[in-house]
PDB file of N, CA and C in Angstrom:
ATOM      1  N   UNK A   1       0.837  -1.176   0.000  1.00  0.00           N
ATOM      2  CA  UNK A   1       0.000   0.000   0.000  1.00  0.00           C
ATOM      3  C   UNK A   1       0.884   1.242   0.000  1.00  0.00           C
ATOM      4  N   UNK A   2       0.517   2.248  -0.817  1.00  0.00           N
ATOM      5  CA  UNK A   2       1.351   3.443  -0.924  1.00  0.00           C
ATOM      6  C   UNK A   2       1.109   4.380   0.253  1.00  0.00           C
ATOM      7  N   UNK A   3       2.116   5.175   0.602  1.00  0.00           N
ATOM      8  CA  UNK A   3       1.956   6.116   1.716  1.00  0.00           C
ATOM      9  C   UNK A   3       0.923   7.192   1.393  1.00  0.00           C
ATOM     10  N   UNK A   4       0.373   7.796   2.428  1.00  0.00           N
ATOM     11  CA  UNK A   4      -0.621   8.859   2.257  1.00  0.00           C
ATOM     12  C   UNK A   4       0.043  10.039   1.559  1.00  0.00           C
ATOM     13  N   UNK A   5      -0.680  10.606   0.574  1.00  0.00           N
ATOM     14  CA  UNK A   5      -0.148  11.742  -0.159  1.00  0.00           C
ATOM     15  C   UNK A   5       0.512  11.353  -1.462  1.00  0.00           C
ATOM     16  N   UNK A   6       0.665  10.050  -1.721  1.00  0.00           N
ATOM     17  CA  UNK A   6       1.232   9.591  -2.976  1.00  0.00           C
ATOM     18  C   UNK A   6       0.194   8.747  -3.699  1.00  0.00           C
ATOM     19  N   UNK A   7       0.182   8.862  -4.999  1.00  0.00           N
ATOM     20  CA  UNK A   7      -0.723   8.012  -5.769  1.00  0.00           C
ATOM     21  C   UNK A   7       0.030   6.750  -6.158  1.00  0.00           C
ATOM     22  N   UNK A   8      -0.566   5.909  -6.952  1.00  0.00           N
ATOM     23  CA  UNK A   8       0.048   4.637  -7.323  1.00  0.00           C
ATOM     24  C   UNK A   8       1.349   4.790  -8.083  1.00  0.00           C
ATOM     25  N   UNK A   9       1.558   5.906  -8.780  1.00  0.00           N
ATOM     26  CA  UNK A   9       2.773   6.120  -9.564  1.00  0.00           C
ATOM     27  C   UNK A   9       3.842   6.826  -8.745  1.00  0.00           C
ATOM     28  N   UNK A  10       3.712   6.822  -7.415  1.00  0.00           N
ATOM     29  CA  UNK A  10       4.657   7.467  -6.500  1.00  0.00           C
ATOM     30  C   UNK A  10       4.857   8.951  -6.793  1.00  0.00           C
ATOM     31  N   UNK A  11       3.795   9.631  -7.217  1.00  0.00           N
ATOM     32  CA  UNK A  11       3.830  11.082  -7.391  1.00  0.00           C
ATOM     33  C   UNK A  11       2.891  11.694  -6.360  1.00  0.00           C
ATOM     34  N   UNK A  12       3.202  12.899  -5.978  1.00  0.00           N
ATOM     35  CA  UNK A  12       2.396  13.561  -4.967  1.00  0.00           C
ATOM     36  C   UNK A  12       1.002  13.863  -5.505  1.00  0.00           C
ATOM     37  N   UNK A  13       0.026  13.737  -4.653  1.00  0.00           N
ATOM     38  CA  UNK A  13      -1.356  14.034  -5.004  1.00  0.00           C
ATOM     39  C   UNK A  13      -1.670  15.423  -4.474  1.00  0.00           C
ATOM     40  N   UNK A  14      -2.221  16.269  -5.361  1.00  0.00           N
ATOM     41  CA  UNK A  14      -2.591  17.607  -4.908  1.00  0.00           C
ATOM     42  C   UNK A  14      -3.845  17.534  -4.067  1.00  0.00           C
ATOM     43  N   UNK A  15      -3.846  18.238  -2.991  1.00  0.00           N
ATOM     44  CA  UNK A  15      -5.046  18.350  -2.175  1.00  0.00           C
ATOM     45  C   UNK A  15      -5.960  19.366  -2.829  1.00  0.00           C
ATOM     46  N   UNK A  16      -7.200  18.996  -3.044  1.00  0.00           N
ATOM     47  CA  UNK A  16      -8.181  19.905  -3.614  1.00  0.00           C
ATOM     48  C   UNK A  16      -8.666  20.838  -2.508  1.00  0.00           C
ATOM     49  N   UNK A  17      -8.688  22.140  -2.765  1.00  0.00           N
ATOM     50  CA  UNK A  17      -9.190  23.054  -1.734  1.00  0.00           C
ATOM     51  C   UNK A  17     -10.672  22.782  -1.500  1.00  0.00           C
ATOM     52  N   UNK A  18     -11.028  22.618  -0.269  1.00  0.00           N
ATOM     53  CA  UNK A  18     -12.412  22.360   0.075  1.00  0.00           C
ATOM     54  C   UNK A  18     -12.874  23.397   1.083  1.00  0.00           C
ATOM     55  N   UNK A  19     -14.138  23.725   0.981  1.00  0.00           N
ATOM     56  CA  UNK A  19     -14.705  24.692   1.916  1.00  0.00           C
ATOM     57  C   UNK A  19     -14.746  24.067   3.306  1.00  0.00           C
ATOM     58  N   UNK A  20     -14.423  24.867   4.279  1.00  0.00           N
ATOM     59  CA  UNK A  20     -14.399  24.370   5.655  1.00  0.00           C
ATOM     60  C   UNK A  20     -15.797  24.201   6.222  1.00  0.00           C
ATOM     61  N   UNK A  21     -16.700  25.051   5.804  1.00  0.00           N
ATOM     62  CA  UNK A  21     -18.049  24.980   6.351  1.00  0.00           C
ATOM     63  C   UNK A  21     -19.066  24.977   5.226  1.00  0.00           C
ATOM     64  N   UNK A  22     -20.269  24.633   5.568  1.00  0.00           N
ATOM     65  CA  UNK A  22     -21.358  24.637   4.602  1.00  0.00           C
ATOM     66  C   UNK A  22     -21.618  26.059   4.110  1.00  0.00           C
ATOM     67  N   UNK A  23     -21.503  27.032   4.999  1.00  0.00           N
ATOM     68  CA  UNK A  23     -21.716  28.431   4.621  1.00  0.00           C
ATOM     69  C   UNK A  23     -20.672  28.883   3.605  1.00  0.00           C
ATOM     70  N   UNK A  24     -19.418  28.508   3.808  1.00  0.00           N
ATOM     71  CA  UNK A  24     -18.363  28.884   2.869  1.00  0.00           C
ATOM     72  C   UNK A  24     -18.598  28.232   1.512  1.00  0.00           C
ATOM     73  N   UNK A  25     -19.068  26.993   1.512  1.00  0.00           N
ATOM     74  CA  UNK A  25     -19.361  26.301   0.264  1.00  0.00           C
ATOM     75  C   UNK A  25     -20.529  26.976  -0.452  1.00  0.00           C
ATOM     76  N   UNK A  26     -21.561  27.340   0.293  1.00  0.00           N
ATOM     77  CA  UNK A  26     -22.717  28.018  -0.291  1.00  0.00           C
ATOM     78  C   UNK A  26     -22.308  29.378  -0.857  1.00  0.00           C
ATOM     79  N   UNK A  27     -21.448  30.102  -0.153  1.00  0.00           N
ATOM     80  CA  UNK A  27     -20.972  31.400  -0.643  1.00  0.00           C
ATOM     81  C   UNK A  27     -20.172  31.242  -1.931  1.00  0.00           C
ATOM     82  N   UNK A  28     -19.352  30.198  -2.008  1.00  0.00           N
ATOM     83  CA  UNK A  28     -18.560  29.956  -3.214  1.00  0.00           C
ATOM     84  C   UNK A  28     -19.472  29.629  -4.398  1.00  0.00           C
ATOM     85  N   UNK A  29     -20.482  28.825  -4.165  1.00  0.00           N
ATOM     86  CA  UNK A  29     -21.424  28.470  -5.228  1.00  0.00           C
ATOM     87  C   UNK A  29     -22.202  29.701  -5.668  1.00  0.00           C
ATOM     88  N   UNK A  30     -22.649  30.505  -4.709  1.00  0.00           N
ATOM     89  CA  UNK A  30     -23.398  31.723  -5.025  1.00  0.00           C
ATOM     90  C   UNK A  30     -22.533  32.698  -5.826  1.00  0.00           C
ATOM     91  N   UNK A  31     -21.285  32.859  -5.438  1.00  0.00           N
ATOM     92  CA  UNK A  31     -20.375  33.761  -6.167  1.00  0.00           C
ATOM     93  C   UNK A  31     -20.181  33.276  -7.599  1.00  0.00           C
ATOM     94  N   UNK A  32     -20.069  31.977  -7.769  1.00  0.00           N
ATOM     95  CA  UNK A  32     -19.923  31.413  -9.109  1.00  0.00           C
ATOM     96  C   UNK A  32     -21.177  31.657  -9.943  1.00  0.00           C
ATOM     97  N   UNK A  33     -22.337  31.492  -9.357  1.00  0.00           N
ATOM     98  CA  UNK A  33     -23.588  31.740 -10.069  1.00  0.00           C
ATOM     99  C   UNK A  33     -23.730  33.209 -10.445  1.00  0.00           C
ATOM    100  N   UNK A  34     -23.359  34.099  -9.554  1.00  0.00           N
ATOM    101  CA  UNK A  34     -23.445  35.537  -9.827  1.00  0.00           C
ATOM    102  C   UNK A  34     -22.522  35.909 -10.984  1.00  0.00           C
ATOM    103  N   UNK A  35     -21.287  35.372 -10.984  1.00  0.00           N
ATOM    104  CA  UNK A  35     -20.359  35.645 -12.094  1.00  0.00           C
ATOM    105  C   UNK A  35     -20.932  35.134 -13.410  1.00  0.00           C
ATOM    106  N   UNK A  36     -21.488  33.936 -13.393  1.00  0.00           N
ATOM    107  CA  UNK A  36     -22.073  33.360 -14.609  1.00  0.00           C
ATOM    108  C   UNK A  36     -23.241  34.205 -15.104  1.00  0.00           C
ATOM    109  N   UNK A  37     -24.074  34.673 -14.187  1.00  0.00           N
ATOM    110  CA  UNK A  37     -25.214  35.500 -14.557  1.00  0.00           C
ATOM    111  C   UNK A  37     -24.756  36.825 -15.158  1.00  0.00           C
ATOM    112  N   UNK A  38     -23.709  37.421 -14.599  1.00  0.00           N
ATOM    113  CA  UNK A  38     -23.186  38.686 -15.123  1.00  0.00           C
ATOM    114  C   UNK A  38     -22.653  38.509 -16.540  1.00  0.00           C
ATOM    115  N   UNK A  39     -21.984  37.392 -16.798  1.00  0.00           N
ATOM    116  CA  UNK A  39     -21.487  37.116 -18.148  1.00  0.00           C
ATOM    117  C   UNK A  39     -22.664  36.941 -19.103  1.00  0.00           C
ATOM    118  N   UNK A  40     -23.682  36.211 -18.678  1.00  0.00           N
ATOM    119  CA  UNK A  40     -24.870  35.986 -19.499  1.00  0.00           C
ATOM    120  C   UNK A  40     -25.551  37.308 -19.846  1.00  0.00           C
ATOM    121  N   UNK A  41     -25.702  38.197 -18.878  1.00  0.00           N
ATOM    122  CA  UNK A  41     -26.323  39.502 -19.119  1.00  0.00           C
ATOM    123  C   UNK A  41     -25.471  40.332 -20.077  1.00  0.00           C
ATOM    124  N   UNK A  42     -24.152  40.289 -19.906  1.00  0.00           N
ATOM    125  CA  UNK A  42     -23.265  41.036 -20.810  1.00  0.00           C
ATOM    126  C   UNK A  42     -23.378  40.520 -22.247  1.00  0.00           C
ATOM    127  N   UNK A  43     -23.510  39.215 -22.397  1.00  0.00           N
ATOM    128  CA  UNK A  43     -23.680  38.636 -23.737  1.00  0.00           C
ATOM    129  C   UNK A  43     -24.989  39.116 -24.355  1.00  0.00           C
ATOM    130  N   UNK A  44     -26.054  39.129 -23.565  1.00  0.00           N
ATOM    131  CA  UNK A  44     -27.344  39.615 -24.078  1.00  0.00           C
ATOM    132  C   UNK A  44     -27.263  41.082 -24.495  1.00  0.00           C
ATOM    133  N   UNK A  45     -26.553  41.894 -23.707  1.00  0.00           N
ATOM    134  CA  UNK A  45     -26.381  43.307 -24.068  1.00  0.00           C
ATOM    135  C   UNK A  45     -25.660  43.437 -25.410  1.00  0.00           C
ATOM    136  N   UNK A  46     -24.673  42.602 -25.640  1.00  0.00           N
ATOM    137  CA  UNK A  46     -23.947  42.651 -26.916  1.00  0.00           C
ATOM    138  C   UNK A  46     -24.830  42.175 -28.063  1.00  0.00           C
ATOM    139  N   UNK A  47     -25.579  41.113 -27.846  1.00  0.00           N
ATOM    140  CA  UNK A  47     -26.431  40.566 -28.909  1.00  0.00           C
ATOM    141  C   UNK A  47     -27.471  41.582 -29.354  1.00  0.00           C
ATOM    142  N   UNK A  48     -28.075  42.268 -28.406  1.00  0.00           N
ATOM    143  CA  UNK A  48     -29.163  43.195 -28.727  1.00  0.00           C
ATOM    144  C   UNK A  48     -28.695  44.645 -28.870  1.00  0.00           C
ATOM    145  N   UNK A  49     -27.402  44.848 -29.115  1.00  0.00           N
ATOM    146  CA  UNK A  49     -26.802  46.157 -29.397  1.00  0.00           C
ATOM    147  C   UNK A  49     -26.928  47.180 -28.271  1.00  0.00           C
ATOM    148  N   UNK A  50     -27.279  46.768 -27.074  1.00  0.00           N
ATOM    149  CA  UNK A  50     -27.365  47.729 -25.971  1.00  0.00           C
ATOM    150  C   UNK A  50     -25.985  48.250 -25.597  1.00  0.00           C
ATOM    151  N   UNK A  51     -24.973  47.381 -25.652  1.00  0.00           N
ATOM    152  CA  UNK A  51     -23.615  47.824 -25.342  1.00  0.00           C
ATOM    153  C   UNK A  51     -23.100  48.772 -26.419  1.00  0.00           C
ATOM    154  N   UNK A  52     -23.413  48.476 -27.666  1.00  0.00           N
ATOM    155  CA  UNK A  52     -22.983  49.363 -28.757  1.00  0.00           C
ATOM    156  C   UNK A  52     -23.641  50.734 -28.615  1.00  0.00           C
ATOM    157  N   UNK A  53     -24.919  50.748 -28.237  1.00  0.00           N
ATOM    158  CA  UNK A  53     -25.622  52.018 -28.047  1.00  0.00           C
ATOM    159  C   UNK A  53     -24.991  52.813 -26.892  1.00  0.00           C
ATOM    160  N   UNK A  54     -24.647  52.123 -25.815  1.00  0.00           N
ATOM    161  CA  UNK A  54     -24.022  52.808 -24.686  1.00  0.00           C
ATOM    162  C   UNK A  54     -22.653  53.361 -25.080  1.00  0.00           C
ATOM    163  N   UNK A  55     -21.881  52.588 -25.846  1.00  0.00           N
ATOM    164  CA  UNK A  55     -20.579  53.093 -26.325  1.00  0.00           C
ATOM    165  C   UNK A  55     -20.778  54.312 -27.224  1.00  0.00           C
ATOM    166  N   UNK A  56     -21.814  54.299 -28.067  1.00  0.00           N
ATOM    167  CA  UNK A  56     -22.134  55.440 -28.922  1.00  0.00           C
ATOM    168  C   UNK A  56     -22.453  56.670 -28.070  1.00  0.00           C
ATOM    169  N   UNK A  57     -23.287  56.488 -27.051  1.00  0.00           N
ATOM    170  CA  UNK A  57     -23.642  57.616 -26.176  1.00  0.00           C
ATOM    171  C   UNK A  57     -22.410  58.191 -25.491  1.00  0.00           C
ATOM    172  N   UNK A  58     -21.531  57.306 -25.028  1.00  0.00           N
ATOM    173  CA  UNK A  58     -20.305  57.768 -24.369  1.00  0.00           C
ATOM    174  C   UNK A  58     -19.399  58.515 -25.346  1.00  0.00           C
ATOM    175  N   UNK A  59     -19.261  57.982 -26.559  1.00  0.00           N
ATOM    176  CA  UNK A  59     -18.392  58.587 -27.562  1.00  0.00           C
ATOM    177  C   UNK A  59     -18.928  59.942 -28.021  1.00  0.00           C
ATOM    178  N   UNK A  60     -20.262  60.042 -28.183  1.00  0.00           N
ATOM    179  CA  UNK A  60     -20.870  61.280 -28.688  1.00  0.00           C
ATOM    180  C   UNK A  60     -21.232  62.250 -27.568  1.00  0.00           C
ATOM    181  N   UNK A  61     -21.017  61.852 -26.330  1.00  0.00           N
ATOM    182  CA  UNK A  61     -21.353  62.677 -25.167  1.00  0.00           C
ATOM    183  C   UNK A  61     -22.832  63.075 -25.194  1.00  0.00           C
ATOM    184  N   UNK A  62     -23.701  62.078 -25.418  1.00  0.00           N
ATOM    185  CA  UNK A  62     -25.150  62.302 -25.459  1.00  0.00           C
ATOM    186  C   UNK A  62     -25.824  61.533 -24.341  1.00  0.00           C
ATOM    187  N   UNK A  63     -27.046  61.962 -24.036  1.00  0.00           N
ATOM    188  CA  UNK A  63     -27.878  61.207 -23.114  1.00  0.00           C
ATOM    189  C   UNK A  63     -28.861  60.386 -23.930  1.00  0.00           C
ATOM    190  N   UNK A  64     -29.297  59.295 -23.363  1.00  0.00           N
ATOM    191  CA  UNK A  64     -30.235  58.428 -24.069  1.00  0.00           C
ATOM    192  C   UNK A  64     -31.548  59.164 -24.317  1.00  0.00           C
ATOM    193  N   UNK A  65     -31.976  59.163 -25.578  1.00  0.00           N
ATOM    194  CA  UNK A  65     -33.230  59.802 -25.970  1.00  0.00           C
ATOM    195  C   UNK A  65     -33.649  59.207 -27.313  1.00  0.00           C
ATOM    196  N   UNK A  66     -34.900  59.424 -27.703  1.00  0.00           N
ATOM    197  CA  UNK A  66     -35.316  58.934 -29.025  1.00  0.00           C
ATOM    198  C   UNK A  66     -34.473  59.517 -30.155  1.00  0.00           C
ATOM    199  N   UNK A  67     -34.102  60.791 -30.033  1.00  0.00           N
ATOM    200  CA  UNK A  67     -33.276  61.434 -31.056  1.00  0.00           C
ATOM    201  C   UNK A  67     -31.880  60.796 -31.112  1.00  0.00           C
ATOM    202  N   UNK A  68     -31.279  60.562 -29.964  1.00  0.00           N
ATOM    203  CA  UNK A  68     -29.957  59.936 -29.911  1.00  0.00           C
ATOM    204  C   UNK A  68     -30.017  58.519 -30.480  1.00  0.00           C
ATOM    205  N   UNK A  69     -31.085  57.796 -30.193  1.00  0.00           N
ATOM    206  CA  UNK A  69     -31.226  56.440 -30.717  1.00  0.00           C
ATOM    207  C   UNK A  69     -31.384  56.455 -32.236  1.00  0.00           C
ATOM    208  N   UNK A  70     -32.101  57.442 -32.770  1.00  0.00           N
ATOM    209  CA  UNK A  70     -32.251  57.565 -34.219  1.00  0.00           C
ATOM    210  C   UNK A  70     -30.895  57.818 -34.877  1.00  0.00           C
ATOM    211  N   UNK A  71     -30.087  58.660 -34.264  1.00  0.00           N
ATOM    212  CA  UNK A  71     -28.738  58.921 -34.788  1.00  0.00           C
ATOM    213  C   UNK A  71     -27.908  57.646 -34.743  1.00  0.00           C
ATOM    214  N   UNK A  72     -28.001  56.908 -33.642  1.00  0.00           N
ATOM    215  CA  UNK A  72     -27.287  55.639 -33.506  1.00  0.00           C
ATOM    216  C   UNK A  72     -27.695  54.662 -34.602  1.00  0.00           C
ATOM    217  N   UNK A  73     -29.004  54.553 -34.845  1.00  0.00           N
ATOM    218  CA  UNK A  73     -29.482  53.630 -35.880  1.00  0.00           C
ATOM    219  C   UNK A  73     -28.969  54.019 -37.265  1.00  0.00           C
ATOM    220  N   UNK A  74     -28.987  55.321 -37.573  1.00  0.00           N
ATOM    221  CA  UNK A  74     -28.472  55.779 -38.872  1.00  0.00           C
ATOM    222  C   UNK A  74     -26.989  55.437 -39.016  1.00  0.00           C
ATOM    223  N   UNK A  75     -26.235  55.698 -37.947  1.00  0.00           N
ATOM    224  CA  UNK A  75     -24.802  55.418 -37.971  1.00  0.00           C
ATOM    225  C   UNK A  75     -24.543  53.918 -38.147  1.00  0.00           C
ATOM    226  N   UNK A  76     -25.319  53.107 -37.454  1.00  0.00           N
ATOM    227  CA  UNK A  76     -25.167  51.656 -37.544  1.00  0.00           C
ATOM    228  C   UNK A  76     -25.506  51.146 -38.942  1.00  0.00           C
ATOM    229  N   UNK A  77     -26.583  51.668 -39.517  1.00  0.00           N
ATOM    230  CA  UNK A  77     -26.968  51.253 -40.873  1.00  0.00           C
ATOM    231  C   UNK A  77     -25.926  51.663 -41.906  1.00  0.00           C
ATOM    232  N   UNK A  78     -25.346  52.848 -41.734  1.00  0.00           N
ATOM    233  CA  UNK A  78     -24.301  53.289 -42.656  1.00  0.00           C
ATOM    234  C   UNK A  78     -23.090  52.377 -42.562  1.00  0.00           C
ATOM    235  N   UNK A  79     -22.730  52.000 -41.357  1.00  0.00           N
ATOM    236  CA  UNK A  79     -21.586  51.105 -41.178  1.00  0.00           C
ATOM    237  C   UNK A  79     -21.845  49.736 -41.796  1.00  0.00           C
ATOM    238  N   UNK A  80     -23.082  49.250 -41.649  1.00  0.00           N
ATOM    239  CA  UNK A  80     -23.430  47.944 -42.218  1.00  0.00           C
ATOM    240  C   UNK A  80     -23.463  48.000 -43.735  1.00  0.00           C
ATOM    241  N   UNK A  81     -23.909  49.101 -44.310  1.00  0.00           N
ATOM    242  CA  UNK A  81     -24.012  49.194 -45.763  1.00  0.00           C
ATOM    243  C   UNK A  81     -22.636  49.295 -46.424  1.00  0.00           C
ATOM    244  N   UNK A  82     -21.615  49.769 -45.694  1.00  0.00           N
ATOM    245  CA  UNK A  82     -20.270  49.875 -46.237  1.00  0.00           C
ATOM    246  C   UNK A  82     -19.545  48.541 -46.258  1.00  0.00           C
ATOM    247  N   UNK A  83     -20.003  47.585 -45.472  1.00  0.00           N
ATOM    248  CA  UNK A  83     -19.329  46.288 -45.425  1.00  0.00           C
ATOM    249  C   UNK A  83     -19.616  45.506 -46.704  1.00  0.00           C
ATOM    250  N   UNK A  84     -18.600  44.861 -47.244  1.00  0.00           N
ATOM    251  CA  UNK A  84     -18.834  44.052 -48.433  1.00  0.00           C
ATOM    252  C   UNK A  84     -19.685  42.827 -48.097  1.00  0.00           C
ATOM    253  N   UNK A  85     -20.572  42.507 -49.005  1.00  0.00           N
ATOM    254  CA  UNK A  85     -21.453  41.343 -48.807  1.00  0.00           C
ATOM    255  C   UNK A  85     -20.838  40.132 -49.501  1.00  0.00           C
ATOM    256  N   UNK A  86     -21.023  39.028 -48.875  1.00  0.00           N
ATOM    257  CA  UNK A  86     -20.534  37.786 -49.468  1.00  0.00           C
ATOM    258  C   UNK A  86     -21.704  37.052 -50.128  1.00  0.00           C
ATOM    259  N   UNK A  87     -21.468  36.529 -51.260  1.00  0.00           N
ATOM    260  CA  UNK A  87     -22.423  35.669 -51.989  1.00  0.00           C
ATOM    261  C   UNK A  87     -23.678  36.406 -52.331  1.00  0.00           C
TER     262      UNK A  87
END
């Protein structure tokens, strides 16, 4: 039988960090879920152009309004029309 801390190939086995208490484990799981949710929300913002609109507002030093959104849409359409189409 091999000594404690060694695997069958006589190499050291890494100890996996484990939460000391149930509360610490729950906090770690909750933090992981919150990070995952934040990434998911950021992806949705990118998909639906909300992040692009916010970058436009920051770049143009404008506040969100119907007029600002109309300018954003015109700018976006112009950029899309300049791109070469495939097939």
